[in-house]
Amino acid sequence: MNSVSKTDIDKIFGRVLRDFRVKAGFTQEQISEKLGISLKYISRIENGYNGIKTQTLIKYLNILGITPNTLYKDFITNSEVQKNIELSEKINSLSDEQKEFVSSVIDLLKNI
């Protein structure tokens, strides 16, 4: 994705936020209450018709447990950054115990 328009960003952000909201089992009304913004604004964000304020986006990420990598990965063209995102996603899919193990292995590798 070489040239990214505001519309592209709004649509992708909206899709990601909606998918995570649904996966977490929240309705738009519940998210609207948690964020302190109108239901209409939630709908417009999730359908890609509105941008989202940074403060609201950060609240959304925290409530739904979305990593910034997940939100921005469709816009990244740098192959090294893409590899880092892929690795991060693999780690995020592990159990807490497995993450602790991977973290220990990384610490060992850094000391070699």
PDB file of N, CA and C in Angstrom:
ATOM      1  N   MET A   1       0.853  -1.168   0.000  1.00  0.00           N
ATOM      2  CA  MET A   1       0.000   0.000   0.000  1.00  0.00           C
ATOM      3  C   MET A   1       0.899   1.230   0.000  1.00  0.00           C
ATOM      4  N   ASN A   2       1.130   1.794  -1.168  1.00  0.00           N
ATOM      5  CA  ASN A   2       2.044   2.921  -1.288  1.00  0.00           C
ATOM      6  C   ASN A   2       1.423   4.236  -0.841  1.00  0.00           C
ATOM      7  N   SER A   3       0.264   4.554  -1.362  1.00  0.00           N
ATOM      8  CA  SER A   3      -0.402   5.791  -1.012  1.00  0.00           C
ATOM      9  C   SER A   3      -1.637   5.450  -0.192  1.00  0.00           C
ATOM     10  N   VAL A   4      -1.696   5.998   1.006  1.00  0.00           N
ATOM     11  CA  VAL A   4      -2.790   5.670   1.905  1.00  0.00           C
ATOM     12  C   VAL A   4      -3.622   6.925   2.126  1.00  0.00           C
ATOM     13  N   SER A   5      -4.895   6.815   1.800  1.00  0.00           N
ATOM     14  CA  SER A   5      -5.786   7.961   1.994  1.00  0.00           C
ATOM     15  C   SER A   5      -6.412   7.904   3.385  1.00  0.00           C
ATOM     16  N   LYS A   6      -6.953   9.023   3.805  1.00  0.00           N
ATOM     17  CA  LYS A   6      -7.653   9.076   5.085  1.00  0.00           C
ATOM     18  C   LYS A   6      -8.822   8.102   5.072  1.00  0.00           C
ATOM     19  N   THR A   7      -9.498   7.989   3.941  1.00  0.00           N
ATOM     20  CA  THR A   7     -10.621   7.061   3.811  1.00  0.00           C
ATOM     21  C   THR A   7     -10.158   5.621   4.010  1.00  0.00           C
ATOM     22  N   ASP A   8      -9.003   5.254   3.431  1.00  0.00           N
ATOM     23  CA  ASP A   8      -8.448   3.907   3.618  1.00  0.00           C
ATOM     24  C   ASP A   8      -8.192   3.641   5.103  1.00  0.00           C
ATOM     25  N   ILE A   9      -7.582   4.606   5.749  1.00  0.00           N
ATOM     26  CA  ILE A   9      -7.260   4.462   7.172  1.00  0.00           C
ATOM     27  C   ILE A   9      -8.543   4.314   7.986  1.00  0.00           C
ATOM     28  N   ASP A  10      -9.511   5.172   7.745  1.00  0.00           N
ATOM     29  CA  ASP A  10     -10.769   5.116   8.492  1.00  0.00           C
ATOM     30  C   ASP A  10     -11.462   3.765   8.316  1.00  0.00           C
ATOM     31  N   LYS A  11     -11.470   3.244   7.102  1.00  0.00           N
ATOM     32  CA  LYS A  11     -12.143   1.961   6.840  1.00  0.00           C
ATOM     33  C   LYS A  11     -11.429   0.803   7.524  1.00  0.00           C
ATOM     34  N   ILE A  12     -10.109   0.779   7.445  1.00  0.00           N
ATOM     35  CA  ILE A  12      -9.365  -0.321   8.063  1.00  0.00           C
ATOM     36  C   ILE A  12      -9.451  -0.237   9.568  1.00  0.00           C
ATOM     37  N   PHE A  13      -9.266   0.947  10.148  1.00  0.00           N
ATOM     38  CA  PHE A  13      -9.417   1.106  11.593  1.00  0.00           C
ATOM     39  C   PHE A  13     -10.806   0.658  12.032  1.00  0.00           C
ATOM     40  N   GLY A  14     -11.825   1.093  11.302  1.00  0.00           N
ATOM     41  CA  GLY A  14     -13.201   0.727  11.643  1.00  0.00           C
ATOM     42  C   GLY A  14     -13.414  -0.774  11.621  1.00  0.00           C
ATOM     43  N   ARG A  15     -12.885  -1.421  10.592  1.00  0.00           N
ATOM     44  CA  ARG A  15     -13.034  -2.876  10.478  1.00  0.00           C
ATOM     45  C   ARG A  15     -12.358  -3.597  11.643  1.00  0.00           C
ATOM     46  N   VAL A  16     -11.128  -3.185  11.964  1.00  0.00           N
ATOM     47  CA  VAL A  16     -10.392  -3.822  13.060  1.00  0.00           C
ATOM     48  C   VAL A  16     -11.126  -3.610  14.381  1.00  0.00           C
ATOM     49  N   LEU A  17     -11.547  -2.383  14.637  1.00  0.00           N
ATOM     50  CA  LEU A  17     -12.237  -2.091  15.901  1.00  0.00           C
ATOM     51  C   LEU A  17     -13.538  -2.876  16.007  1.00  0.00           C
ATOM     52  N   ARG A  18     -14.294  -2.954  14.927  1.00  0.00           N
ATOM     53  CA  ARG A  18     -15.545  -3.725  14.928  1.00  0.00           C
ATOM     54  C   ARG A  18     -15.270  -5.210  15.159  1.00  0.00           C
ATOM     55  N   ASP A  19     -14.294  -5.763  14.437  1.00  0.00           N
ATOM     56  CA  ASP A  19     -13.991  -7.192  14.583  1.00  0.00           C
ATOM     57  C   ASP A  19     -13.592  -7.538  16.012  1.00  0.00           C
ATOM     58  N   PHE A  20     -12.758  -6.714  16.620  1.00  0.00           N
ATOM     59  CA  PHE A  20     -12.340  -6.976  17.993  1.00  0.00           C
ATOM     60  C   PHE A  20     -13.486  -6.773  18.980  1.00  0.00           C
ATOM     61  N   ARG A  21     -14.337  -5.784  18.733  1.00  0.00           N
ATOM     62  CA  ARG A  21     -15.488  -5.559  19.609  1.00  0.00           C
ATOM     63  C   ARG A  21     -16.404  -6.773  19.601  1.00  0.00           C
ATOM     64  N   VAL A  22     -16.704  -7.262  18.394  1.00  0.00           N
ATOM     65  CA  VAL A  22     -17.579  -8.422  18.257  1.00  0.00           C
ATOM     66  C   VAL A  22     -16.938  -9.650  18.910  1.00  0.00           C
ATOM     67  N   LYS A  23     -15.646  -9.858  18.659  1.00  0.00           N
ATOM     68  CA  LYS A  23     -14.930 -10.989  19.232  1.00  0.00           C
ATOM     69  C   LYS A  23     -14.941 -10.937  20.767  1.00  0.00           C
ATOM     70  N   ALA A  24     -14.884  -9.720  21.320  1.00  0.00           N
ATOM     71  CA  ALA A  24     -14.895  -9.558  22.776  1.00  0.00           C
ATOM     72  C   ALA A  24     -16.312  -9.662  23.352  1.00  0.00           C
ATOM     73  N   GLY A  25     -17.313  -9.718  22.482  1.00  0.00           N
ATOM     74  CA  GLY A  25     -18.688  -9.877  22.936  1.00  0.00           C
ATOM     75  C   GLY A  25     -19.376  -8.596  23.380  1.00  0.00           C
ATOM     76  N   PHE A  26     -18.856  -7.450  22.935  1.00  0.00           N
ATOM     77  CA  PHE A  26     -19.462  -6.169  23.285  1.00  0.00           C
ATOM     78  C   PHE A  26     -20.395  -5.707  22.175  1.00  0.00           C
ATOM     79  N   THR A  27     -21.479  -5.062  22.569  1.00  0.00           N
ATOM     80  CA  THR A  27     -22.337  -4.393  21.590  1.00  0.00           C
ATOM     81  C   THR A  27     -21.777  -2.995  21.360  1.00  0.00           C
ATOM     82  N   GLN A  28     -22.244  -2.354  20.309  1.00  0.00           N
ATOM     83  CA  GLN A  28     -21.846  -0.969  20.073  1.00  0.00           C
ATOM     84  C   GLN A  28     -22.290  -0.089  21.238  1.00  0.00           C
ATOM     85  N   GLU A  29     -23.448  -0.378  21.783  1.00  0.00           N
ATOM     86  CA  GLU A  29     -23.952   0.408  22.909  1.00  0.00           C
ATOM     87  C   GLU A  29     -23.036   0.281  24.129  1.00  0.00           C
ATOM     88  N   GLN A  30     -22.575  -0.934  24.416  1.00  0.00           N
ATOM     89  CA  GLN A  30     -21.668  -1.138  25.559  1.00  0.00           C
ATOM     90  C   GLN A  30     -20.352  -0.386  25.353  1.00  0.00           C
ATOM     91  N   ILE A  31     -19.801  -0.455  24.153  1.00  0.00           N
ATOM     92  CA  ILE A  31     -18.549   0.260  23.864  1.00  0.00           C
ATOM     93  C   ILE A  31     -18.775   1.758  23.958  1.00  0.00           C
ATOM     94  N   SER A  32     -19.907   2.227  23.467  1.00  0.00           N
ATOM     95  CA  SER A  32     -20.206   3.653  23.534  1.00  0.00           C
ATOM     96  C   SER A  32     -20.236   4.126  24.986  1.00  0.00           C
ATOM     97  N   GLU A  33     -20.807   3.320  25.875  1.00  0.00           N
ATOM     98  CA  GLU A  33     -20.840   3.675  27.303  1.00  0.00           C
ATOM     99  C   GLU A  33     -19.441   3.672  27.902  1.00  0.00           C
ATOM    100  N   LYS A  34     -18.643   2.654  27.574  1.00  0.00           N
ATOM    101  CA  LYS A  34     -17.288   2.558  28.111  1.00  0.00           C
ATOM    102  C   LYS A  34     -16.402   3.712  27.637  1.00  0.00           C
ATOM    103  N   LEU A  35     -16.612   4.142  26.393  1.00  0.00           N
ATOM    104  CA  LEU A  35     -15.791   5.212  25.831  1.00  0.00           C
ATOM    105  C   LEU A  35     -16.353   6.602  26.127  1.00  0.00           C
ATOM    106  N   GLY A  36     -17.614   6.654  26.520  1.00  0.00           N
ATOM    107  CA  GLY A  36     -18.232   7.944  26.787  1.00  0.00           C
ATOM    108  C   GLY A  36     -18.495   8.750  25.532  1.00  0.00           C
ATOM    109  N   ILE A  37     -18.804   8.040  24.444  1.00  0.00           N
ATOM    110  CA  ILE A  37     -19.135   8.718  23.187  1.00  0.00           C
ATOM    111  C   ILE A  37     -20.443   8.147  22.650  1.00  0.00           C
ATOM    112  N   SER A  38     -21.042   8.844  21.713  1.00  0.00           N
ATOM    113  CA  SER A  38     -22.366   8.448  21.236  1.00  0.00           C
ATOM    114  C   SER A  38     -22.337   7.149  20.431  1.00  0.00           C
ATOM    115  N   LEU A  39     -23.443   6.467  20.466  1.00  0.00           N
ATOM    116  CA  LEU A  39     -23.629   5.245  19.690  1.00  0.00           C
ATOM    117  C   LEU A  39     -23.498   5.539  18.193  1.00  0.00           C
ATOM    118  N   LYS A  40     -24.013   6.681  17.770  1.00  0.00           N
ATOM    119  CA  LYS A  40     -23.927   7.075  16.359  1.00  0.00           C
ATOM    120  C   LYS A  40     -22.466   7.228  15.931  1.00  0.00           C
ATOM    121  N   TYR A  41     -21.637   7.815  16.813  1.00  0.00           N
ATOM    122  CA  TYR A  41     -20.219   7.985  16.500  1.00  0.00           C
ATOM    123  C   TYR A  41     -19.526   6.622  16.397  1.00  0.00           C
ATOM    124  N   ILE A  42     -19.856   5.699  17.296  1.00  0.00           N
ATOM    125  CA  ILE A  42     -19.291   4.332  17.234  1.00  0.00           C
ATOM    126  C   ILE A  42     -19.634   3.712  15.881  1.00  0.00           C
ATOM    127  N   SER A  43     -20.879   3.812  15.493  1.00  0.00           N
ATOM    128  CA  SER A  43     -21.319   3.230  14.221  1.00  0.00           C
ATOM    129  C   SER A  43     -20.564   3.855  13.049  1.00  0.00           C
ATOM    130  N   ARG A  44     -20.406   5.166  13.067  1.00  0.00           N
ATOM    131  CA  ARG A  44     -19.704   5.846  11.975  1.00  0.00           C
ATOM    132  C   ARG A  44     -18.227   5.451  11.934  1.00  0.00           C
ATOM    133  N   ILE A  45     -17.595   5.291  13.095  1.00  0.00           N
ATOM    134  CA  ILE A  45     -16.193   4.847  13.149  1.00  0.00           C
ATOM    135  C   ILE A  45     -16.079   3.441  12.568  1.00  0.00           C
ATOM    136  N   GLU A  46     -16.914   2.521  13.060  1.00  0.00           N
ATOM    137  CA  GLU A  46     -16.810   1.121  12.644  1.00  0.00           C
ATOM    138  C   GLU A  46     -17.159   0.901  11.178  1.00  0.00           C
ATOM    139  N   ASN A  47     -17.931   1.791  10.604  1.00  0.00           N
ATOM    140  CA  ASN A  47     -18.274   1.678   9.191  1.00  0.00           C
ATOM    141  C   ASN A  47     -17.340   2.481   8.291  1.00  0.00           C
ATOM    142  N   GLY A  48     -16.326   3.118   8.902  1.00  0.00           N
ATOM    143  CA  GLY A  48     -15.320   3.832   8.131  1.00  0.00           C
ATOM    144  C   GLY A  48     -15.753   5.192   7.630  1.00  0.00           C
ATOM    145  N   TYR A  49     -16.841   5.734   8.195  1.00  0.00           N
ATOM    146  CA  TYR A  49     -17.316   7.043   7.759  1.00  0.00           C
ATOM    147  C   TYR A  49     -16.717   8.193   8.560  1.00  0.00           C
ATOM    148  N   ASN A  50     -16.131   7.885   9.687  1.00  0.00           N
ATOM    149  CA  ASN A  50     -15.541   8.908  10.550  1.00  0.00           C
ATOM    150  C   ASN A  50     -14.143   8.477  10.946  1.00  0.00           C
ATOM    151  N   GLY A  51     -13.269   9.465  11.105  1.00  0.00           N
ATOM    152  CA  GLY A  51     -11.982   9.198  11.716  1.00  0.00           C
ATOM    153  C   GLY A  51     -12.197   9.055  13.216  1.00  0.00           C
ATOM    154  N   ILE A  52     -11.131   8.803  13.926  1.00  0.00           N
ATOM    155  CA  ILE A  52     -11.241   8.612  15.362  1.00  0.00           C
ATOM    156  C   ILE A  52     -10.173   9.458  16.051  1.00  0.00           C
ATOM    157  N   LYS A  53     -10.566  10.133  17.109  1.00  0.00           N
ATOM    158  CA  LYS A  53      -9.613  10.944  17.869  1.00  0.00           C
ATOM    159  C   LYS A  53      -8.607  10.021  18.539  1.00  0.00           C
ATOM    160  N   THR A  54      -7.393  10.512  18.680  1.00  0.00           N
ATOM    161  CA  THR A  54      -6.324   9.708  19.275  1.00  0.00           C
ATOM    162  C   THR A  54      -6.702   9.221  20.671  1.00  0.00           C
ATOM    163  N   GLN A  55      -7.268  10.088  21.498  1.00  0.00           N
ATOM    164  CA  GLN A  55      -7.642   9.695  22.854  1.00  0.00           C
ATOM    165  C   GLN A  55      -8.673   8.569  22.832  1.00  0.00           C
ATOM    166  N   THR A  56      -9.635   8.666  21.933  1.00  0.00           N
ATOM    167  CA  THR A  56     -10.669   7.635  21.811  1.00  0.00           C
ATOM    168  C   THR A  56     -10.052   6.332  21.304  1.00  0.00           C
ATOM    169  N   LEU A  57      -9.149   6.441  20.355  1.00  0.00           N
ATOM    170  CA  LEU A  57      -8.480   5.254  19.817  1.00  0.00           C
ATOM    171  C   LEU A  57      -7.710   4.525  20.913  1.00  0.00           C
ATOM    172  N   ILE A  58      -6.985   5.253  21.727  1.00  0.00           N
ATOM    173  CA  ILE A  58      -6.216   4.636  22.813  1.00  0.00           C
ATOM    174  C   ILE A  58      -7.146   3.930  23.799  1.00  0.00           C
ATOM    175  N   LYS A  59      -8.268   4.552  24.126  1.00  0.00           N
ATOM    176  CA  LYS A  59      -9.246   3.904  25.017  1.00  0.00           C
ATOM    177  C   LYS A  59      -9.764   2.612  24.388  1.00  0.00           C
ATOM    178  N   TYR A  60     -10.102   2.691  23.109  1.00  0.00           N
ATOM    179  CA  TYR A  60     -10.576   1.514  22.366  1.00  0.00           C
ATOM    180  C   TYR A  60      -9.550   0.380  22.450  1.00  0.00           C
ATOM    181  N   LEU A  61      -8.278   0.708  22.162  1.00  0.00           N
ATOM    182  CA  LEU A  61      -7.221  -0.308  22.182  1.00  0.00           C
ATOM    183  C   LEU A  61      -7.120  -0.960  23.551  1.00  0.00           C
ATOM    184  N   ASN A  62      -7.194  -0.157  24.601  1.00  0.00           N
ATOM    185  CA  ASN A  62      -7.092  -0.690  25.954  1.00  0.00           C
ATOM    186  C   ASN A  62      -8.302  -1.545  26.338  1.00  0.00           C
ATOM    187  N   ILE A  63      -9.491  -1.089  26.012  1.00  0.00           N
ATOM    188  CA  ILE A  63     -10.701  -1.840  26.357  1.00  0.00           C
ATOM    189  C   ILE A  63     -10.737  -3.179  25.640  1.00  0.00           C
ATOM    190  N   LEU A  64     -10.368  -3.185  24.362  1.00  0.00           N
ATOM    191  CA  LEU A  64     -10.483  -4.403  23.555  1.00  0.00           C
ATOM    192  C   LEU A  64      -9.190  -5.211  23.475  1.00  0.00           C
ATOM    193  N   GLY A  65      -8.107  -4.722  24.074  1.00  0.00           N
ATOM    194  CA  GLY A  65      -6.845  -5.464  24.058  1.00  0.00           C
ATOM    195  C   GLY A  65      -6.225  -5.557  22.675  1.00  0.00           C
ATOM    196  N   ILE A  66      -6.301  -4.486  21.916  1.00  0.00           N
ATOM    197  CA  ILE A  66      -5.754  -4.463  20.561  1.00  0.00           C
ATOM    198  C   ILE A  66      -4.358  -3.859  20.615  1.00  0.00           C
ATOM    199  N   THR A  67      -3.391  -4.525  20.007  1.00  0.00           N
ATOM    200  CA  THR A  67      -2.044  -3.958  19.940  1.00  0.00           C
ATOM    201  C   THR A  67      -1.982  -2.965  18.776  1.00  0.00           C
ATOM    202  N   PRO A  68      -1.167  -1.938  18.904  1.00  0.00           N
ATOM    203  CA  PRO A  68      -1.010  -0.997  17.785  1.00  0.00           C
ATOM    204  C   PRO A  68      -0.579  -1.708  16.497  1.00  0.00           C
ATOM    205  N   ASN A  69       0.235  -2.753  16.617  1.00  0.00           N
ATOM    206  CA  ASN A  69       0.656  -3.498  15.426  1.00  0.00           C
ATOM    207  C   ASN A  69      -0.549  -4.008  14.647  1.00  0.00           C
ATOM    208  N   THR A  70      -1.531  -4.514  15.347  1.00  0.00           N
ATOM    209  CA  THR A  70      -2.722  -5.053  14.703  1.00  0.00           C
ATOM    210  C   THR A  70      -3.443  -3.974  13.921  1.00  0.00           C
ATOM    211  N   LEU A  71      -3.490  -2.807  14.499  1.00  0.00           N
ATOM    212  CA  LEU A  71      -4.213  -1.708  13.880  1.00  0.00           C
ATOM    213  C   LEU A  71      -3.504  -1.169  12.641  1.00  0.00           C
ATOM    214  N   TYR A  72      -2.186  -1.119  12.676  1.00  0.00           N
ATOM    215  CA  TYR A  72      -1.420  -0.479  11.599  1.00  0.00           C
ATOM    216  C   TYR A  72      -0.825  -1.446  10.577  1.00  0.00           C
ATOM    217  N   LYS A  73      -0.896  -2.744  10.807  1.00  0.00           N
ATOM    218  CA  LYS A  73      -0.156  -3.687   9.967  1.00  0.00           C
ATOM    219  C   LYS A  73      -0.534  -3.639   8.487  1.00  0.00           C
ATOM    220  N   ASP A  74      -1.771  -3.302   8.166  1.00  0.00           N
ATOM    221  CA  ASP A  74      -2.175  -3.241   6.756  1.00  0.00           C
ATOM    222  C   ASP A  74      -1.523  -2.088   6.005  1.00  0.00           C
ATOM    223  N   PHE A  75      -0.931  -1.149   6.738  1.00  0.00           N
ATOM    224  CA  PHE A  75      -0.312   0.021   6.112  1.00  0.00           C
ATOM    225  C   PHE A  75       1.210  -0.091   6.008  1.00  0.00           C
ATOM    226  N   ILE A  76       1.779  -1.106   6.617  1.00  0.00           N
ATOM    227  CA  ILE A  76       3.236  -1.236   6.690  1.00  0.00           C
ATOM    228  C   ILE A  76       3.757  -1.928   5.440  1.00  0.00           C
ATOM    229  N   THR A  77       4.731  -1.294   4.772  1.00  0.00           N
ATOM    230  CA  THR A  77       5.329  -1.890   3.581  1.00  0.00           C
ATOM    231  C   THR A  77       6.788  -2.282   3.807  1.00  0.00           C
ATOM    232  N   ASN A  78       7.397  -1.802   4.873  1.00  0.00           N
ATOM    233  CA  ASN A  78       8.784  -2.141   5.190  1.00  0.00           C
ATOM    234  C   ASN A  78       8.846  -3.609   5.617  1.00  0.00           C
ATOM    235  N   SER A  79       9.614  -4.430   4.894  1.00  0.00           N
ATOM    236  CA  SER A  79       9.628  -5.871   5.141  1.00  0.00           C
ATOM    237  C   SER A  79      10.162  -6.233   6.528  1.00  0.00           C
ATOM    238  N   GLU A  80      11.119  -5.491   7.031  1.00  0.00           N
ATOM    239  CA  GLU A  80      11.644  -5.770   8.378  1.00  0.00           C
ATOM    240  C   GLU A  80      10.570  -5.512   9.443  1.00  0.00           C
ATOM    241  N   VAL A  81       9.846  -4.426   9.272  1.00  0.00           N
ATOM    242  CA  VAL A  81       8.774  -4.108  10.215  1.00  0.00           C
ATOM    243  C   VAL A  81       7.668  -5.165  10.108  1.00  0.00           C
ATOM    244  N   GLN A  82       7.370  -5.599   8.877  1.00  0.00           N
ATOM    245  CA  GLN A  82       6.367  -6.652   8.685  1.00  0.00           C
ATOM    246  C   GLN A  82       6.773  -7.930   9.418  1.00  0.00           C
ATOM    247  N   LYS A  83       8.049  -8.306   9.337  1.00  0.00           N
ATOM    248  CA  LYS A  83       8.533  -9.498  10.039  1.00  0.00           C
ATOM    249  C   LYS A  83       8.369  -9.347  11.547  1.00  0.00           C
ATOM    250  N   ASN A  84       8.676  -8.146  12.058  1.00  0.00           N
ATOM    251  CA  ASN A  84       8.519  -7.903  13.494  1.00  0.00           C
ATOM    252  C   ASN A  84       7.061  -7.999  13.923  1.00  0.00           C
ATOM    253  N   ILE A  85       6.164  -7.501  13.095  1.00  0.00           N
ATOM    254  CA  ILE A  85       4.733  -7.593  13.398  1.00  0.00           C
ATOM    255  C   ILE A  85       4.288  -9.045  13.398  1.00  0.00           C
ATOM    256  N   GLU A  86       4.737  -9.820  12.416  1.00  0.00           N
ATOM    257  CA  GLU A  86       4.386 -11.242  12.350  1.00  0.00           C
ATOM    258  C   GLU A  86       4.875 -11.981  13.592  1.00  0.00           C
ATOM    259  N   LEU A  87       6.096 -11.698  14.008  1.00  0.00           N
ATOM    260  CA  LEU A  87       6.635 -12.330  15.213  1.00  0.00           C
ATOM    261  C   LEU A  87       5.814 -11.928  16.438  1.00  0.00           C
ATOM    262  N   SER A  88       5.485 -10.669  16.534  1.00  0.00           N
ATOM    263  CA  SER A  88       4.677 -10.179  17.642  1.00  0.00           C
ATOM    264  C   SER A  88       3.312 -10.863  17.673  1.00  0.00           C
ATOM    265  N   GLU A  89       2.694 -11.036  16.516  1.00  0.00           N
ATOM    266  CA  GLU A  89       1.387 -11.702  16.446  1.00  0.00           C
ATOM    267  C   GLU A  89       1.489 -13.168  16.882  1.00  0.00           C
ATOM    268  N   LYS A  90       2.570 -13.825  16.488  1.00  0.00           N
ATOM    269  CA  LYS A  90       2.763 -15.213  16.911  1.00  0.00           C
ATOM    270  C   LYS A  90       2.895 -15.293  18.427  1.00  0.00           C
ATOM    271  N   ILE A  91       3.662 -14.387  19.001  1.00  0.00           N
ATOM    272  CA  ILE A  91       3.840 -14.368  20.453  1.00  0.00           C
ATOM    273  C   ILE A  91       2.517 -14.064  21.144  1.00  0.00           C
ATOM    274  N   ASN A  92       1.752 -13.122  20.613  1.00  0.00           N
ATOM    275  CA  ASN A  92       0.465 -12.764  21.216  1.00  0.00           C
ATOM    276  C   ASN A  92      -0.521 -13.920  21.233  1.00  0.00           C
ATOM    277  N   SER A  93      -0.363 -14.864  20.316  1.00  0.00           N
ATOM    278  CA  SER A  93      -1.289 -15.991  20.258  1.00  0.00           C
ATOM    279  C   SER A  93      -0.953 -17.088  21.274  1.00  0.00           C
ATOM    280  N   LEU A  94       0.171 -16.955  21.963  1.00  0.00           N
ATOM    281  CA  LEU A  94       0.589 -17.961  22.938  1.00  0.00           C
ATOM    282  C   LEU A  94      -0.095 -17.763  24.286  1.00  0.00           C
ATOM    283  N   SER A  95      -0.084 -18.820  25.081  1.00  0.00           N
ATOM    284  CA  SER A  95      -0.598 -18.716  26.450  1.00  0.00           C
ATOM    285  C   SER A  95       0.378 -17.880  27.276  1.00  0.00           C
ATOM    286  N   ASP A  96      -0.050 -17.425  28.441  1.00  0.00           N
ATOM    287  CA  ASP A  96       0.832 -16.640  29.311  1.00  0.00           C
ATOM    288  C   ASP A  96       2.078 -17.432  29.691  1.00  0.00           C
ATOM    289  N   GLU A  97       1.915 -18.705  29.936  1.00  0.00           N
ATOM    290  CA  GLU A  97       3.057 -19.564  30.298  1.00  0.00           C
ATOM    291  C   GLU A  97       4.046 -19.661  29.130  1.00  0.00           C
ATOM    292  N   GLN A  98       3.526 -19.833  27.934  1.00  0.00           N
ATOM    293  CA  GLN A  98       4.383 -19.912  26.755  1.00  0.00           C
ATOM    294  C   GLN A  98       5.092 -18.578  26.502  1.00  0.00           C
ATOM    295  N   LYS A  99       4.396 -17.472  26.743  1.00  0.00           N
ATOM    296  CA  LYS A  99       5.016 -16.155  26.580  1.00  0.00           C
ATOM    297  C   LYS A  99       6.178 -15.982  27.553  1.00  0.00           C
ATOM    298  N   GLU A 100       6.007 -16.442  28.788  1.00  0.00           N
ATOM    299  CA  GLU A 100       7.088 -16.366  29.776  1.00  0.00           C
ATOM    300  C   GLU A 100       8.301 -17.156  29.287  1.00  0.00           C
ATOM    301  N   PHE A 101       8.043 -18.332  28.732  1.00  0.00           N
ATOM    302  CA  PHE A 101       9.123 -19.170  28.225  1.00  0.00           C
ATOM    303  C   PHE A 101       9.856 -18.468  27.079  1.00  0.00           C
ATOM    304  N   VAL A 102       9.096 -17.934  26.121  1.00  0.00           N
ATOM    305  CA  VAL A 102       9.697 -17.231  24.988  1.00  0.00           C
ATOM    306  C   VAL A 102      10.513 -16.036  25.477  1.00  0.00           C
ATOM    307  N   SER A 103       9.989 -15.322  26.443  1.00  0.00           N
ATOM    308  CA  SER A 103      10.705 -14.181  27.002  1.00  0.00           C
ATOM    309  C   SER A 103      12.036 -14.619  27.619  1.00  0.00           C
ATOM    310  N   SER A 104      12.020 -15.751  28.307  1.00  0.00           N
ATOM    311  CA  SER A 104      13.258 -16.281  28.903  1.00  0.00           C
ATOM    312  C   SER A 104      14.268 -16.661  27.821  1.00  0.00           C
ATOM    313  N   VAL A 105      13.785 -17.271  26.750  1.00  0.00           N
ATOM    314  CA  VAL A 105      14.670 -17.651  25.642  1.00  0.00           C
ATOM    315  C   VAL A 105      15.278 -16.399  25.016  1.00  0.00           C
ATOM    316  N   ILE A 106      14.469 -15.369  24.822  1.00  0.00           N
ATOM    317  CA  ILE A 106      14.976 -14.123  24.244  1.00  0.00           C
ATOM    318  C   ILE A 106      16.044 -13.512  25.153  1.00  0.00           C
ATOM    319  N   ASP A 107      15.783 -13.512  26.451  1.00  0.00           N
ATOM    320  CA  ASP A 107      16.776 -12.987  27.399  1.00  0.00           C
ATOM    321  C   ASP A 107      18.088 -13.760  27.292  1.00  0.00           C
ATOM    322  N   LEU A 108      18.011 -15.097  27.165  1.00  0.00           N
ATOM    323  CA  LEU A 108      19.198 -15.921  27.009  1.00  0.00           C
ATOM    324  C   LEU A 108      19.950 -15.563  25.719  1.00  0.00           C
ATOM    325  N   LEU A 109      19.203 -15.423  24.626  1.00  0.00           N
ATOM    326  CA  LEU A 109      19.828 -15.093  23.348  1.00  0.00           C
ATOM    327  C   LEU A 109      20.502 -13.732  23.368  1.00  0.00           C
ATOM    328  N   LYS A 110      19.933 -12.793  24.057  1.00  0.00           N
ATOM    329  CA  LYS A 110      20.524 -11.463  24.133  1.00  0.00           C
ATOM    330  C   LYS A 110      21.857 -11.480  24.892  1.00  0.00           C
ATOM    331  N   ASN A 111      22.024 -12.450  25.759  1.00  0.00           N
ATOM    332  CA  ASN A 111      23.246 -12.537  26.569  1.00  0.00           C
ATOM    333  C   ASN A 111      24.353 -13.386  25.916  1.00  0.00           C
ATOM    334  N   ILE A 112      24.088 -13.904  24.734  1.00  0.00           N
ATOM    335  CA  ILE A 112      25.088 -14.735  24.052  1.00  0.00           C
ATOM    336  C   ILE A 112      26.042 -13.839  23.283  1.00  0.00           C
TER     337      ILE A 112
END
